[in-house]
């Protein structure tokens, strides 16, 4: 990271834990460092009193508003916070037992998903492993022992496969590095739940990762592996052509060797590998972002790729909170921590939405005027209902008619803060929402009076 991030990392707790002020930090180290320290402090304040994800709300809306603005303006705030959290977890043994559980749960439910959203695979895995060891200590130790037993057998067998593959790639003049990748214990724990606890149904306890120079070589290697071994067709995944929602790219394939051994391979370029490990904090990605005109001009993340557009969408939530608008906890969960999907316009433009997003969420993300006149939707060429969720990789077309206008019922057909905000604004302009809001307020007041009695 750059020098300002390093300085802010060193100084991140000073305002919270000492007599130092943001003004003093700005005078000594400059406005950029002060801004980052202030942002990290807001993240800490917004977490105050959190017990689980459902209660991930600050004591005041003002704190959350500042947090969202800080993150939306400069993603380094969260990168520093994740480093701080990882450090806290590594010294958790010195805390009381109740604090250990609270911090571990918060880490697993809030910070690990945040690292995943930023594509920071290595940090996510470290946070998950440490948190899991405190939340389920017995399960953790049992899985650790099972894994150790399995790996001692797998390592020897995989060694032979690795030698054979290296020889084949050398024969075809493909420069590469081949390493083993061991599945994390927390990932194994989650996967075992899906297969009724049968570890024999999990083929990727240990995989071979092949890193090559360019994208073309990735596909050449895939072809060579399938000529050497029998592929399991249902287990071939192309995350290069269609990346995961957090930007992860790689080819995955599972093959059966002549010795009837099942082996998973991951094939990627060096750049893809760095992004898979470090995500937005990967040096090439981060410095590209930092040198962009948009960033230099106003420090916003507008130049981020599609899978990180959610960072700029935080601004929408911050503005609404600043206007004292009501945002439910569920709504924040969808926008801040939900799993993301990619959908495409018919022209091939990529749009990043939360999982379970509906067609109107897509329409409002494209443009509020297009959404305003939405008459129907086609998904992958077929008519698609307004209330049916979109899926990763869908091609979505908005069919619009000038006479079609937003309706009151649409409020139940949007899931994102962005879409809800735009829709309410349009309903207000059409004179629909005032009466609705008024009626809702009367009902709410009556309910509160009954509760008070």
Protein backbone atom coordinates (compact mmCIF):
# COMPACT_ATOMS: atom_id res chain seq x y z
CA UNK A 1 0.00 0.00 0.00
CA UNK A 2 0.99 3.67 -0.27
CA UNK A 3 2.68 5.64 2.53
CA UNK A 4 -0.57 7.34 3.65
CA UNK A 5 -2.19 3.93 4.20
CA UNK A 6 0.81 2.73 6.21
CA UNK A 7 0.80 5.89 8.36
CA UNK A 8 -2.96 5.62 8.91
CA UNK A 9 -2.49 1.95 9.84
CA UNK A 10 0.04 2.88 12.52
CA UNK A 11 -2.13 5.75 13.80
CA UNK A 12 -5.54 4.07 13.41
CA UNK A 13 -6.36 3.76 17.14
CA UNK A 14 -4.88 7.06 18.34
CA UNK A 15 -8.09 9.12 18.24
CA UNK A 16 -10.13 6.37 19.89
CA UNK A 17 -7.62 5.36 22.57
CA UNK A 18 -5.58 8.50 23.38
CA UNK A 19 -5.98 12.26 23.81
CA UNK A 20 -4.86 12.87 20.20
CA UNK A 21 -7.30 14.68 17.89
CA UNK A 22 -7.91 14.45 14.15
CA UNK A 23 -6.75 18.10 13.90
CA UNK A 24 -3.38 17.20 15.45
CA UNK A 25 -2.98 14.24 13.07
CA UNK A 26 -3.80 16.48 10.11
CA UNK A 27 -1.24 19.08 11.24
CA UNK A 28 1.48 16.45 11.65
CA UNK A 29 0.77 14.03 8.80
CA UNK A 30 -1.55 15.78 6.33
CA UNK A 31 -5.22 15.73 5.36
CA UNK A 32 -5.17 12.35 3.57
CA UNK A 33 -3.86 10.47 6.63
CA UNK A 34 -6.29 12.35 8.91
CA UNK A 35 -9.18 11.41 6.61
CA UNK A 36 -8.23 7.71 6.70
CA UNK A 37 -7.79 7.65 10.50
CA UNK A 38 -11.14 9.41 10.90
CA UNK A 39 -12.79 6.87 8.58
CA UNK A 40 -11.37 3.87 10.50
CA UNK A 41 -12.53 5.46 13.78
CA UNK A 42 -16.07 5.79 12.34
CA UNK A 43 -16.08 2.08 11.45
CA UNK A 44 -15.25 1.29 15.09
CA UNK A 45 -17.95 3.63 16.41
CA UNK A 46 -20.56 2.23 14.03
CA UNK A 47 -19.83 -1.27 15.38
CA UNK A 48 -20.47 -0.28 19.00
CA UNK A 49 -22.73 -2.75 20.78
CA UNK A 50 -23.04 -5.14 17.86
CA UNK A 51 -24.13 -8.65 18.84
CA UNK A 52 -24.85 -10.20 15.44
CA UNK A 53 -25.37 -9.18 11.83
CA UNK A 54 -29.04 -8.37 12.38
CA UNK A 55 -27.98 -5.71 14.91
CA UNK A 56 -25.16 -4.26 12.83
CA UNK A 57 -26.36 -0.72 13.34
CA UNK A 58 -24.65 2.20 15.10
CA UNK A 59 -25.89 3.95 18.18
CA UNK A 60 -26.72 6.95 15.99
CA UNK A 61 -27.52 7.28 12.30
CA UNK A 62 -24.93 10.05 12.11
CA UNK A 63 -22.10 7.59 12.78
CA UNK A 64 -23.30 5.17 10.12
CA UNK A 65 -23.69 8.02 7.65
CA UNK A 66 -20.08 9.09 8.25
CA UNK A 67 -18.89 5.50 7.96
CA UNK A 68 -20.60 4.98 4.61
CA UNK A 69 -19.32 8.28 3.23
CA UNK A 70 -15.77 7.44 4.37
CA UNK A 71 -15.84 3.98 2.76
CA UNK A 72 -17.52 5.31 -0.39
CA UNK A 73 -14.85 7.99 -0.75
CA UNK A 74 -11.82 5.85 -0.04
CA UNK A 75 -11.83 2.06 0.18
CA UNK A 76 -8.46 2.15 2.00
CA UNK A 77 -10.52 2.77 5.17
CA UNK A 78 -11.88 -0.79 5.06
CA UNK A 79 -8.54 -2.29 3.99
CA UNK A 80 -6.93 -0.76 7.12
CA UNK A 81 -9.84 -1.93 9.27
CA UNK A 82 -9.49 -5.50 7.95
CA UNK A 83 -5.77 -5.46 8.81
CA UNK A 84 -6.67 -4.19 12.30
CA UNK A 85 -9.27 -6.94 12.73
CA UNK A 86 -6.85 -9.65 11.61
CA UNK A 87 -4.34 -8.39 14.16
CA UNK A 88 -7.00 -8.37 16.91
CA UNK A 89 -7.91 -11.98 16.12
CA UNK A 90 -4.28 -13.08 16.29
CA UNK A 91 -4.05 -11.83 19.91
CA UNK A 92 -7.54 -12.96 20.97
CA UNK A 93 -6.22 -15.54 23.44
CA UNK A 94 -5.45 -12.71 25.89
CA UNK A 95 -9.11 -11.55 26.02
CA UNK A 96 -11.88 -12.81 28.37
CA UNK A 97 -13.92 -15.75 26.98
CA UNK A 98 -17.09 -13.69 26.36
CA UNK A 99 -15.10 -11.07 24.43
CA UNK A 100 -13.42 -13.83 22.39
CA UNK A 101 -16.80 -15.17 21.25
CA UNK A 102 -18.24 -11.71 20.53
CA UNK A 103 -15.23 -10.59 18.45
CA UNK A 104 -14.99 -13.94 16.65
CA UNK A 105 -18.70 -13.91 15.70
CA UNK A 106 -18.52 -10.32 14.49
CA UNK A 107 -15.42 -11.19 12.46
CA UNK A 108 -17.12 -14.16 10.80
CA UNK A 109 -20.41 -12.40 10.08
CA UNK A 110 -19.20 -8.92 9.11
CA UNK A 111 -15.48 -8.65 8.38
CA UNK A 112 -14.91 -11.94 6.52
CA UNK A 113 -17.76 -11.17 4.05
CA UNK A 114 -16.34 -7.65 3.66
CA UNK A 115 -12.90 -9.08 2.77
CA UNK A 116 -14.61 -11.45 0.34
CA UNK A 117 -16.49 -8.57 -1.29
CA UNK A 118 -13.15 -6.83 -1.85
CA UNK A 119 -11.71 -10.03 -3.36
CA UNK A 120 -9.16 -10.30 -0.53
CA UNK A 121 -9.14 -14.12 -0.41
CA UNK A 122 -6.11 -14.55 1.83
CA UNK A 123 -7.35 -12.10 4.48
CA UNK A 124 -10.87 -13.60 4.35
CA UNK A 125 -9.47 -17.10 4.91
CA UNK A 126 -7.26 -15.99 7.82
CA UNK A 127 -10.16 -14.16 9.50
CA UNK A 128 -12.47 -17.17 9.05
CA UNK A 129 -9.94 -19.70 10.37
CA UNK A 130 -9.12 -17.71 13.51
CA UNK A 131 -12.78 -16.84 14.25
CA UNK A 132 -13.89 -20.45 13.66
CA UNK A 133 -11.27 -21.74 16.12
CA UNK A 134 -12.88 -19.65 18.91
CA UNK A 135 -16.55 -20.18 17.97
CA UNK A 136 -16.39 -23.97 17.46
CA UNK A 137 -13.15 -25.07 19.21
CA UNK A 138 -14.08 -28.80 19.39
CA UNK A 139 -15.20 -28.96 15.75
CA UNK A 140 -12.10 -27.01 14.72
CA UNK A 141 -9.71 -29.48 16.42
CA UNK A 142 -11.54 -32.53 15.04
CA UNK A 143 -11.42 -31.18 11.48
CA UNK A 144 -7.77 -30.24 11.94
CA UNK A 145 -6.95 -33.84 12.88
CA UNK A 146 -9.05 -35.26 9.99
CA UNK A 147 -7.41 -32.92 7.51
CA UNK A 148 -3.90 -33.76 8.72
CA UNK A 149 -4.59 -37.48 8.28
CA UNK A 150 -6.00 -36.99 4.78
CA UNK A 151 -3.27 -34.64 3.59
CA UNK A 152 -0.44 -37.01 4.45
CA UNK A 153 -1.92 -39.51 1.95
CA UNK A 154 -2.97 -36.93 -0.66
CA UNK A 155 0.38 -35.13 -0.75
CA UNK A 156 2.26 -38.26 -1.84
CA UNK A 157 -0.27 -39.11 -4.56
CA UNK A 158 -0.47 -35.53 -5.82
CA UNK A 159 3.32 -35.39 -6.05
CA UNK A 160 3.25 -37.97 -8.87
CA UNK A 161 0.48 -36.09 -10.74
CA UNK A 162 2.40 -32.81 -10.36
CA UNK A 163 5.56 -34.33 -11.92
CA UNK A 164 3.56 -35.72 -14.87
CA UNK A 165 1.79 -32.39 -15.52
CA UNK A 166 5.04 -30.39 -15.25
CA UNK A 167 6.63 -32.67 -17.86
CA UNK A 168 3.65 -32.27 -20.22
CA UNK A 169 3.65 -28.46 -19.93
CA UNK A 170 7.41 -28.35 -20.50
CA UNK A 171 6.99 -30.49 -23.63
CA UNK A 172 4.54 -27.88 -24.99
CA UNK A 173 6.83 -24.96 -23.95
CA UNK A 174 4.34 -23.49 -21.46
CA UNK A 175 6.06 -21.53 -18.66
CA UNK A 176 4.28 -22.26 -15.38
CA UNK A 177 4.41 -22.69 -11.60
CA UNK A 178 2.53 -25.58 -9.98
CA UNK A 179 1.71 -25.51 -6.27
CA UNK A 180 -0.60 -27.35 -3.91
CA UNK A 181 -3.62 -25.52 -2.45
CA UNK A 182 -5.09 -26.86 0.81
CA UNK A 183 -8.77 -26.19 1.56
CA UNK A 184 -9.32 -23.99 4.62
CA UNK A 185 -10.90 -25.63 7.67
CA UNK A 186 -13.83 -23.21 7.72
CA UNK A 187 -14.57 -23.85 4.02
CA UNK A 188 -14.42 -27.58 4.76
CA UNK A 189 -16.78 -27.12 7.74
CA UNK A 190 -19.34 -25.31 5.52
CA UNK A 191 -19.03 -27.87 2.73
CA UNK A 192 -19.44 -30.84 5.07
CA UNK A 193 -22.80 -29.42 6.13
CA UNK A 194 -23.95 -29.69 2.50
CA UNK A 195 -22.86 -33.33 2.11
CA UNK A 196 -24.18 -34.71 5.44
CA UNK A 197 -20.72 -34.67 6.98
CA UNK A 198 -19.20 -37.19 4.56
CA UNK A 199 -15.62 -36.07 3.89
CA UNK A 200 -15.31 -38.65 1.07
CA UNK A 201 -17.73 -36.52 -1.00
CA UNK A 202 -15.30 -33.58 -0.99
CA UNK A 203 -12.81 -33.76 -3.87
CA UNK A 204 -10.94 -30.50 -3.35
CA UNK A 205 -9.36 -30.95 0.09
CA UNK A 206 -6.12 -30.40 -1.79
CA UNK A 207 -5.91 -29.03 -5.30
CA UNK A 208 -3.07 -28.30 -7.71
CA UNK A 209 -2.82 -24.66 -8.77
CA UNK A 210 -1.15 -23.91 -12.12
CA UNK A 211 -0.09 -20.29 -12.65
CA UNK A 212 0.85 -19.21 -16.20
CA UNK A 213 1.83 -16.06 -18.10
CA UNK A 214 -1.37 -15.22 -20.01
CA UNK A 215 -5.05 -16.05 -20.51
CA UNK A 216 -4.42 -18.04 -23.70
CA UNK A 217 -2.07 -20.36 -21.79
CA UNK A 218 -4.82 -20.98 -19.20
CA UNK A 219 -7.04 -22.52 -21.87
CA UNK A 220 -4.12 -24.43 -23.44
CA UNK A 221 -3.33 -25.97 -20.04
CA UNK A 222 -6.99 -26.92 -19.56
CA UNK A 223 -6.96 -28.72 -22.93
CA UNK A 224 -3.73 -30.57 -22.06
CA UNK A 225 -5.10 -31.72 -18.68
CA UNK A 226 -8.23 -33.07 -20.36
CA UNK A 227 -6.09 -34.94 -22.90
CA UNK A 228 -4.07 -36.51 -20.05
CA UNK A 229 -6.92 -37.35 -17.67
CA UNK A 230 -10.66 -37.98 -17.79
CA UNK A 231 -12.48 -34.75 -16.85
CA UNK A 232 -15.61 -34.73 -14.68
CA UNK A 233 -17.71 -32.60 -17.03
CA UNK A 234 -20.04 -31.25 -14.36
CA UNK A 235 -17.05 -29.94 -12.39
CA UNK A 236 -15.52 -27.72 -15.12
CA UNK A 237 -15.94 -24.01 -14.25
CA UNK A 238 -14.79 -21.04 -16.31
CA UNK A 239 -14.43 -18.09 -13.95
CA UNK A 240 -12.21 -16.32 -16.49
CA UNK A 241 -14.97 -15.80 -19.05
CA UNK A 242 -17.52 -15.17 -16.27
CA UNK A 243 -15.69 -14.02 -13.10
CA UNK A 244 -17.19 -14.49 -9.64
CA UNK A 245 -19.08 -11.43 -8.36
CA UNK A 246 -16.05 -10.32 -6.30
CA UNK A 247 -13.80 -10.33 -9.40
CA UNK A 248 -12.14 -13.73 -8.83
CA UNK A 249 -10.88 -15.31 -12.07
CA UNK A 250 -9.61 -18.85 -12.63
CA UNK A 251 -10.37 -22.06 -14.53
CA UNK A 252 -11.39 -24.99 -12.33
CA UNK A 253 -11.53 -28.62 -13.43
CA UNK A 254 -11.74 -31.96 -11.65
CA UNK A 255 -10.17 -35.01 -13.35
CA UNK A 256 -9.83 -38.74 -12.71
CA UNK A 257 -6.29 -40.11 -13.12
CA UNK A 258 -5.54 -43.63 -14.47
CA UNK A 259 -4.94 -44.64 -10.82
CA UNK A 260 -8.60 -43.59 -10.12
CA UNK A 261 -7.47 -40.60 -8.07
CA UNK A 262 -9.77 -37.56 -8.23
CA UNK A 263 -7.77 -34.31 -8.55
CA UNK A 264 -8.92 -30.68 -8.77
CA UNK A 265 -6.87 -28.16 -10.77
CA UNK A 266 -7.06 -24.36 -10.68
CA UNK A 267 -5.50 -22.54 -13.65
CA UNK A 268 -4.87 -18.78 -13.67
CA UNK A 269 -2.42 -16.06 -14.69
CA UNK A 270 0.00 -14.39 -12.24
CA UNK A 271 -2.18 -11.27 -12.23
CA UNK A 272 -5.33 -13.30 -11.55
CA UNK A 273 -3.51 -15.07 -8.73
CA UNK A 274 -2.45 -11.83 -7.08
CA UNK A 275 -6.01 -10.52 -7.30
CA UNK A 276 -7.41 -13.81 -5.90
CA UNK A 277 -5.09 -13.48 -2.90
CA UNK A 278 -5.22 -9.72 -2.25
CA UNK A 279 -8.22 -8.37 -4.18
CA UNK A 280 -8.47 -4.61 -4.24
CA UNK A 281 -5.29 -4.40 -2.16
CA UNK A 282 -3.33 -6.14 -4.95
CA UNK A 283 -0.57 -3.73 -5.92
CA UNK A 284 -1.34 -3.51 -9.66
CA UNK A 285 -5.07 -3.01 -9.08
CA UNK A 286 -4.69 -0.51 -6.26
CA UNK A 287 -2.11 1.64 -8.02
CA UNK A 288 -4.13 1.67 -11.26
CA UNK A 289 -7.03 3.00 -9.21
CA UNK A 290 -4.87 5.58 -7.43
CA UNK A 291 -3.45 7.00 -10.66
CA UNK A 292 -6.82 7.41 -12.39
CA UNK A 293 -8.03 10.96 -13.09
CA UNK A 294 -11.28 10.31 -11.22
CA UNK A 295 -9.44 9.31 -8.05
CA UNK A 296 -6.97 12.20 -8.16
CA UNK A 297 -9.80 14.67 -8.70
CA UNK A 298 -12.13 13.70 -5.85
CA UNK A 299 -10.94 10.46 -4.21
CA UNK A 300 -14.18 8.62 -5.09
CA UNK A 301 -14.15 5.06 -6.29
CA UNK A 302 -16.06 5.76 -9.52
CA UNK A 303 -13.31 4.19 -11.60
CA UNK A 304 -13.71 0.83 -9.86
CA UNK A 305 -14.72 -2.16 -12.00
CA UNK A 306 -18.27 -3.55 -12.02
CA UNK A 307 -17.72 -6.04 -9.20
CA UNK A 308 -16.77 -3.19 -6.84
CA UNK A 309 -19.53 -0.73 -7.79
CA UNK A 310 -21.17 -1.46 -4.44
CA UNK A 311 -18.57 0.82 -2.81
CA UNK A 312 -19.90 3.87 -4.66
CA UNK A 313 -23.48 2.74 -4.00
CA UNK A 314 -22.76 3.30 -0.29
CA UNK A 315 -23.02 7.02 -1.08
CA UNK A 316 -26.74 6.57 -1.84
CA UNK A 317 -27.36 5.08 1.60
CA UNK A 318 -25.31 7.84 3.25
CA UNK A 319 -27.37 10.57 1.54
CA UNK A 320 -30.63 8.94 2.62
CA UNK A 321 -29.43 8.66 6.22
CA UNK A 322 -28.35 12.29 6.06
CA UNK A 323 -31.92 13.15 5.02
CA UNK A 324 -33.25 11.22 8.06
CA UNK A 325 -34.96 8.64 5.84
CA UNK A 326 -35.78 5.27 7.35
CA UNK A 327 -33.57 2.36 6.28
CA UNK A 328 -34.34 -1.04 7.76
CA UNK A 329 -31.68 -3.39 9.07
CA UNK A 330 -32.70 -5.88 6.38
CA UNK A 331 -32.06 -3.25 3.74
CA UNK A 332 -28.55 -2.61 5.07
CA UNK A 333 -27.82 -6.33 5.14
CA UNK A 334 -28.79 -6.56 1.46
CA UNK A 335 -26.69 -3.58 0.43
CA UNK A 336 -23.62 -3.99 2.63
CA UNK A 337 -23.19 -7.69 3.23
CA UNK A 338 -25.30 -9.63 0.74
CA UNK A 339 -23.74 -11.93 -1.84
CA UNK A 340 -23.36 -10.21 -5.20
CA UNK A 341 -24.31 -11.29 -8.72
CA UNK A 342 -23.32 -10.01 -12.19
CA UNK A 343 -26.01 -9.41 -14.78
CA UNK A 344 -25.58 -8.11 -18.31
CA UNK A 345 -27.43 -5.69 -20.55
CA UNK A 346 -28.18 -6.88 -24.13
CA UNK A 347 -25.17 -4.75 -25.22
CA UNK A 348 -22.87 -6.68 -22.84
CA UNK A 349 -22.50 -4.01 -20.11
CA UNK A 350 -21.95 -5.58 -16.67
CA UNK A 351 -24.06 -4.58 -13.66
CA UNK A 352 -23.37 -5.61 -10.06
CA UNK A 353 -26.41 -6.39 -7.88
CA UNK A 354 -27.05 -8.17 -4.57
CA UNK A 355 -28.19 -11.79 -4.68
CA UNK A 356 -32.00 -12.09 -4.93
CA UNK A 357 -32.19 -8.72 -6.71
CA UNK A 358 -35.30 -8.27 -8.88
CA UNK A 359 -35.62 -6.93 -12.46
CA UNK A 360 -36.60 -3.43 -11.26
CA UNK A 361 -33.36 -3.25 -9.22
CA UNK A 362 -31.49 -3.78 -12.49
CA UNK A 363 -33.61 -1.20 -14.34
CA UNK A 364 -32.99 1.51 -11.73
CA UNK A 365 -29.26 0.74 -11.73
CA UNK A 366 -29.16 1.24 -15.52
CA UNK A 367 -31.13 4.53 -15.43
CA UNK A 368 -34.08 5.79 -13.40
CA UNK A 369 -35.89 7.05 -16.56
CA UNK A 370 -35.69 3.59 -18.16
CA UNK A 371 -37.02 2.02 -14.95
CA UNK A 372 -39.81 4.61 -14.73
CA UNK A 373 -41.35 3.39 -18.00
CA UNK A 374 -40.64 -0.35 -17.50
CA UNK A 375 -43.51 -2.39 -18.95
CA UNK A 376 -41.96 -5.88 -18.87
CA UNK A 377 -38.61 -7.71 -18.76
CA UNK A 378 -36.87 -10.29 -20.90
CA UNK A 379 -34.19 -12.40 -19.21
CA UNK A 380 -32.04 -14.55 -21.49
CA UNK A 381 -34.54 -13.86 -24.27
CA UNK A 382 -37.64 -14.98 -22.32
CA UNK A 383 -40.38 -12.94 -20.62
CA UNK A 384 -39.51 -12.65 -16.91
CA UNK A 385 -41.90 -11.72 -14.03
CA UNK A 386 -41.28 -8.59 -11.96
CA UNK A 387 -41.17 -10.66 -8.75
CA UNK A 388 -38.74 -13.38 -9.86
CA UNK A 389 -35.10 -12.91 -8.72
CA UNK A 390 -32.26 -12.55 -11.22
CA UNK A 391 -29.30 -14.95 -11.29
CA UNK A 392 -25.58 -14.54 -11.90
CA UNK A 393 -24.86 -14.29 -15.64
CA UNK A 394 -28.42 -13.34 -16.69
CA UNK A 395 -28.84 -11.06 -19.72
CA UNK A 396 -31.61 -8.62 -18.79
CA UNK A 397 -33.58 -6.44 -21.20
CA UNK A 398 -36.01 -3.75 -20.01
CA UNK A 399 -39.06 -3.43 -22.27
CA UNK A 400 -40.34 0.12 -21.82
CA UNK A 401 -43.47 2.01 -22.87
CA UNK A 402 -43.96 5.76 -22.50
CA UNK A 403 -47.44 5.36 -21.01
CA UNK A 404 -46.19 2.91 -18.35
CA UNK A 405 -45.48 4.64 -15.00
CA UNK A 406 -44.32 3.54 -11.53
CA UNK A 407 -47.03 2.10 -9.28
CA UNK A 408 -47.45 1.80 -5.54
CA UNK A 409 -47.04 -2.01 -5.78
CA UNK A 410 -43.51 -1.56 -7.15
CA UNK A 411 -42.33 -0.80 -3.61
CA UNK A 412 -42.54 -4.56 -2.94
CA UNK A 413 -40.65 -5.32 -6.17
CA UNK A 414 -37.30 -3.68 -5.35
CA UNK A 415 -34.64 -4.88 -2.91
CA UNK A 416 -31.78 -2.35 -3.18
CA UNK A 417 -31.55 1.00 -1.43
CA UNK A 418 -30.66 2.65 -4.74
CA UNK A 419 -33.80 1.39 -6.51
CA UNK A 420 -36.05 2.09 -3.51
CA UNK A 421 -34.71 5.64 -3.25
CA UNK A 422 -35.26 6.40 -6.95
CA UNK A 423 -38.71 4.78 -6.97
CA UNK A 424 -39.91 6.73 -3.93
CA UNK A 425 -38.72 9.96 -5.51
CA UNK A 426 -40.75 9.18 -8.66
CA UNK A 427 -43.85 8.17 -6.68
CA UNK A 428 -43.57 11.42 -4.73
CA UNK A 429 -43.44 13.42 -7.98
CA UNK A 430 -46.53 11.57 -9.22
CA UNK A 431 -48.33 12.38 -5.95
CA UNK A 432 -48.67 8.72 -4.99
CA UNK A 433 -46.35 8.37 -2.02
CA UNK A 434 -47.48 11.27 0.23
CA UNK A 435 -50.86 9.72 0.99
CA UNK A 436 -49.24 6.31 1.47
CA UNK A 437 -46.60 7.72 3.83
CA UNK A 438 -49.26 9.68 5.74
CA UNK A 439 -51.44 6.60 6.21
CA UNK A 440 -48.43 4.53 7.27
CA UNK A 441 -47.48 7.15 9.85
CA UNK A 442 -51.02 7.18 11.31
CA UNK A 443 -50.99 3.36 11.60
CA UNK A 444 -47.51 3.47 13.17
CA UNK A 445 -48.63 6.10 15.73
CA UNK A 446 -51.72 4.04 16.67
CA UNK A 447 -49.57 0.91 17.07
CA UNK A 448 -47.09 2.77 19.28
CA UNK A 449 -49.94 4.14 21.47
CA UNK A 450 -51.31 0.59 21.94
CA UNK A 451 -47.84 -0.68 22.89
CA UNK A 452 -47.44 2.20 25.40
CA UNK A 453 -50.78 1.25 27.06
